[in-house]
């Protein structure tokens, strides 16, 4: 059995993190789910803003403070309309509250892409397949982003492979 495909990149500024997110956004297709894991201030919302840019979202993307979910109209790289579902579970009282807003519908979005910040707050309520992005402070304004497909050879493996072969505005860690 082969390990999960992994790609690690370093961004040196918020602008680089957004640009990396935009590159990822251009690779996403309806049905893709991206989970963002990292401490406060690690760049999850900044990366999401870049993903939104890559998906052609015109409105400003911020963490949904009181609603848990933000919905934004965008389009795929080939111009097909889609919706970006941006979930921020930081203020979720507990995983039992997930049913109150239809969380499971966002785990397999047919007409959109879902990005979830703080997925660990959902406990075991994770989608069957997703791209996990771990964001870590790497000194100063730098961030280390680790991209892993779950399951290892599921649909998100294509994203890790495409990130590995596409030019991205970030550097490999030393």
Protein backbone atom coordinates (compact mmCIF):
# COMPACT_ATOMS: atom_id res chain seq x y z
CA UNK A 1 0.00 0.00 0.00
CA UNK A 2 1.34 3.43 -0.97
CA UNK A 3 1.28 6.43 1.33
CA UNK A 4 -1.02 9.36 0.67
CA UNK A 5 0.26 11.85 -1.91
CA UNK A 6 1.68 14.85 -0.06
CA UNK A 7 2.91 18.24 -1.26
CA UNK A 8 4.56 20.80 1.05
CA UNK A 9 5.01 24.45 0.10
CA UNK A 10 6.19 27.59 1.87
CA UNK A 11 4.59 30.99 1.35
CA UNK A 12 6.43 34.06 2.57
CA UNK A 13 3.54 36.56 2.75
CA UNK A 14 -0.24 36.83 2.82
CA UNK A 15 -0.14 37.76 -0.88
CA UNK A 16 1.76 34.55 -1.69
CA UNK A 17 -0.74 32.51 0.36
CA UNK A 18 -3.63 34.12 -1.56
CA UNK A 19 -1.85 33.47 -4.88
CA UNK A 20 -1.31 29.83 -3.94
CA UNK A 21 -5.01 29.61 -3.02
CA UNK A 22 -5.96 31.12 -6.39
CA UNK A 23 -3.90 28.45 -8.13
CA UNK A 24 -5.65 25.77 -6.09
CA UNK A 25 -9.04 27.35 -6.82
CA UNK A 26 -8.43 27.05 -10.56
CA UNK A 27 -7.87 23.29 -10.07
CA UNK A 28 -11.06 22.67 -8.08
CA UNK A 29 -14.17 21.10 -9.60
CA UNK A 30 -17.75 20.78 -8.38
CA UNK A 31 -17.89 18.19 -5.61
CA UNK A 32 -14.41 18.94 -4.23
CA UNK A 33 -14.04 19.49 -0.49
CA UNK A 34 -11.03 21.22 1.08
CA UNK A 35 -10.39 21.05 4.84
CA UNK A 36 -8.13 23.73 6.34
CA UNK A 37 -6.42 22.87 9.61
CA UNK A 38 -4.23 25.30 11.52
CA UNK A 39 -3.94 27.54 14.55
CA UNK A 40 -5.48 31.01 14.77
CA UNK A 41 -3.64 33.32 12.40
CA UNK A 42 -2.11 30.51 10.35
CA UNK A 43 -3.64 31.76 7.08
CA UNK A 44 -6.80 29.66 6.63
CA UNK A 45 -9.04 32.57 5.66
CA UNK A 46 -6.28 34.11 3.51
CA UNK A 47 -5.94 30.82 1.60
CA UNK A 48 -9.75 30.69 1.25
CA UNK A 49 -9.75 34.21 -0.21
CA UNK A 50 -7.26 33.01 -2.81
CA UNK A 51 -9.36 29.92 -3.57
CA UNK A 52 -12.35 32.23 -4.07
CA UNK A 53 -10.29 34.39 -6.44
CA UNK A 54 -9.29 31.29 -8.43
CA UNK A 55 -12.97 30.35 -8.64
CA UNK A 56 -13.93 33.76 -10.02
CA UNK A 57 -15.83 34.85 -6.89
CA UNK A 58 -16.39 38.59 -7.14
CA UNK A 59 -17.57 39.34 -3.59
CA UNK A 60 -15.31 39.70 -0.58
CA UNK A 61 -14.75 36.46 1.32
CA UNK A 62 -14.38 36.68 5.08
CA UNK A 63 -14.88 34.09 7.79
CA UNK A 64 -18.61 33.70 8.36
CA UNK A 65 -18.81 35.05 11.91
CA UNK A 66 -22.36 34.33 13.00
CA UNK A 67 -23.80 32.08 10.29
CA UNK A 68 -21.04 29.42 10.09
CA UNK A 69 -21.53 29.26 6.28
CA UNK A 70 -20.89 31.78 3.54
CA UNK A 71 -22.08 31.05 0.00
CA UNK A 72 -20.40 32.77 -2.94
CA UNK A 73 -21.15 32.52 -6.68
CA UNK A 74 -18.19 31.68 -8.85
CA UNK A 75 -17.18 29.51 -11.79
CA UNK A 76 -14.86 26.67 -12.69
CA UNK A 77 -11.73 27.20 -14.80
CA UNK A 78 -13.80 26.38 -17.92
CA UNK A 79 -16.51 28.92 -17.03
CA UNK A 80 -19.21 26.63 -15.60
CA UNK A 81 -21.09 28.28 -12.72
CA UNK A 82 -20.59 26.94 -9.21
CA UNK A 83 -21.01 27.96 -5.60
CA UNK A 84 -18.17 28.26 -3.10
CA UNK A 85 -19.42 27.09 0.31
CA UNK A 86 -17.13 28.52 2.98
CA UNK A 87 -17.67 26.99 6.41
CA UNK A 88 -15.88 28.26 9.51
CA UNK A 89 -16.58 25.94 12.43
CA UNK A 90 -14.52 27.89 14.99
CA UNK A 91 -17.62 29.14 16.83
CA UNK A 92 -19.54 25.85 16.53
CA UNK A 93 -20.87 25.09 20.04
CA UNK A 94 -20.44 21.34 19.51
CA UNK A 95 -20.62 18.70 16.78
CA UNK A 96 -24.26 18.00 17.64
CA UNK A 97 -25.07 21.45 16.18
CA UNK A 98 -23.92 20.37 12.70
CA UNK A 99 -27.36 18.97 11.87
CA UNK A 100 -29.01 22.31 12.63
CA UNK A 101 -27.70 23.89 9.40
CA UNK A 102 -27.51 20.88 7.08
CA UNK A 103 -23.76 20.32 7.41
CA UNK A 104 -23.86 16.95 5.66
CA UNK A 105 -25.15 18.61 2.47
CA UNK A 106 -21.86 20.54 2.23
CA UNK A 107 -19.77 17.34 2.41
CA UNK A 108 -20.59 16.34 -1.18
CA UNK A 109 -21.55 19.56 -2.99
CA UNK A 110 -22.76 18.63 -6.48
CA UNK A 111 -22.93 22.19 -7.79
CA UNK A 112 -20.08 23.67 -5.82
CA UNK A 113 -16.88 23.45 -3.84
CA UNK A 114 -16.73 23.37 -0.05
CA UNK A 115 -13.91 24.85 2.04
CA UNK A 116 -14.08 24.10 5.78
CA UNK A 117 -11.99 25.95 8.36
CA UNK A 118 -11.57 24.26 11.76
CA UNK A 119 -12.77 20.81 10.56
CA UNK A 120 -11.58 19.23 13.82
CA UNK A 121 -14.59 20.86 15.52
CA UNK A 122 -16.82 18.54 13.48
CA UNK A 123 -15.33 15.58 15.38
CA UNK A 124 -15.89 12.48 13.24
CA UNK A 125 -18.25 14.22 10.78
CA UNK A 126 -15.86 14.42 7.86
CA UNK A 127 -16.57 13.84 4.18
CA UNK A 128 -15.59 10.56 2.53
CA UNK A 129 -13.00 12.28 0.32
CA UNK A 130 -11.23 15.61 0.72
CA UNK A 131 -8.05 17.58 0.36
CA UNK A 132 -6.53 18.32 3.76
CA UNK A 133 -4.39 21.46 3.97
CA UNK A 134 -2.40 21.93 7.16
CA UNK A 135 -1.17 25.49 7.66
CA UNK A 136 1.65 26.26 10.09
CA UNK A 137 3.60 29.38 11.02
CA UNK A 138 7.09 28.98 9.59
CA UNK A 139 8.77 32.07 11.03
CA UNK A 140 7.84 35.71 10.41
CA UNK A 141 5.17 35.97 7.72
CA UNK A 142 6.06 32.56 6.28
CA UNK A 143 3.63 29.64 6.34
CA UNK A 144 4.20 25.96 5.61
CA UNK A 145 1.24 24.38 3.81
CA UNK A 146 0.99 20.60 3.62
CA UNK A 147 -1.51 19.17 1.12
CA UNK A 148 -2.71 15.58 1.64
CA UNK A 149 -5.39 13.61 -0.21
CA UNK A 150 -7.86 11.60 1.84
CA UNK A 151 -8.34 8.77 1.09
CA UNK A 152 -4.82 8.47 -0.32
CA UNK A 153 -5.95 7.51 -3.83
CA UNK A 154 -9.35 9.19 -3.81
CA UNK A 155 -10.52 12.13 -5.92
CA UNK A 156 -8.36 14.68 -4.05
CA UNK A 157 -5.18 12.84 -5.08
CA UNK A 158 -5.55 14.56 -8.46
CA UNK A 159 -5.31 17.95 -6.73
CA UNK A 160 -2.06 17.03 -4.98
CA UNK A 161 -0.64 15.74 -8.27
CA UNK A 162 -1.74 18.87 -10.16
CA UNK A 163 -0.24 21.10 -7.47
CA UNK A 164 3.01 19.16 -7.82
CA UNK A 165 3.13 19.65 -11.59
CA UNK A 166 1.76 23.21 -11.81
CA UNK A 167 3.90 26.28 -11.20
CA UNK A 168 2.84 27.74 -7.86
CA UNK A 169 3.86 31.01 -6.21
CA UNK A 170 5.52 29.30 -3.27
CA UNK A 171 8.74 27.45 -2.52
CA UNK A 172 9.62 23.94 -1.46
CA UNK A 173 10.72 23.69 2.18
CA UNK A 174 14.48 23.29 2.71
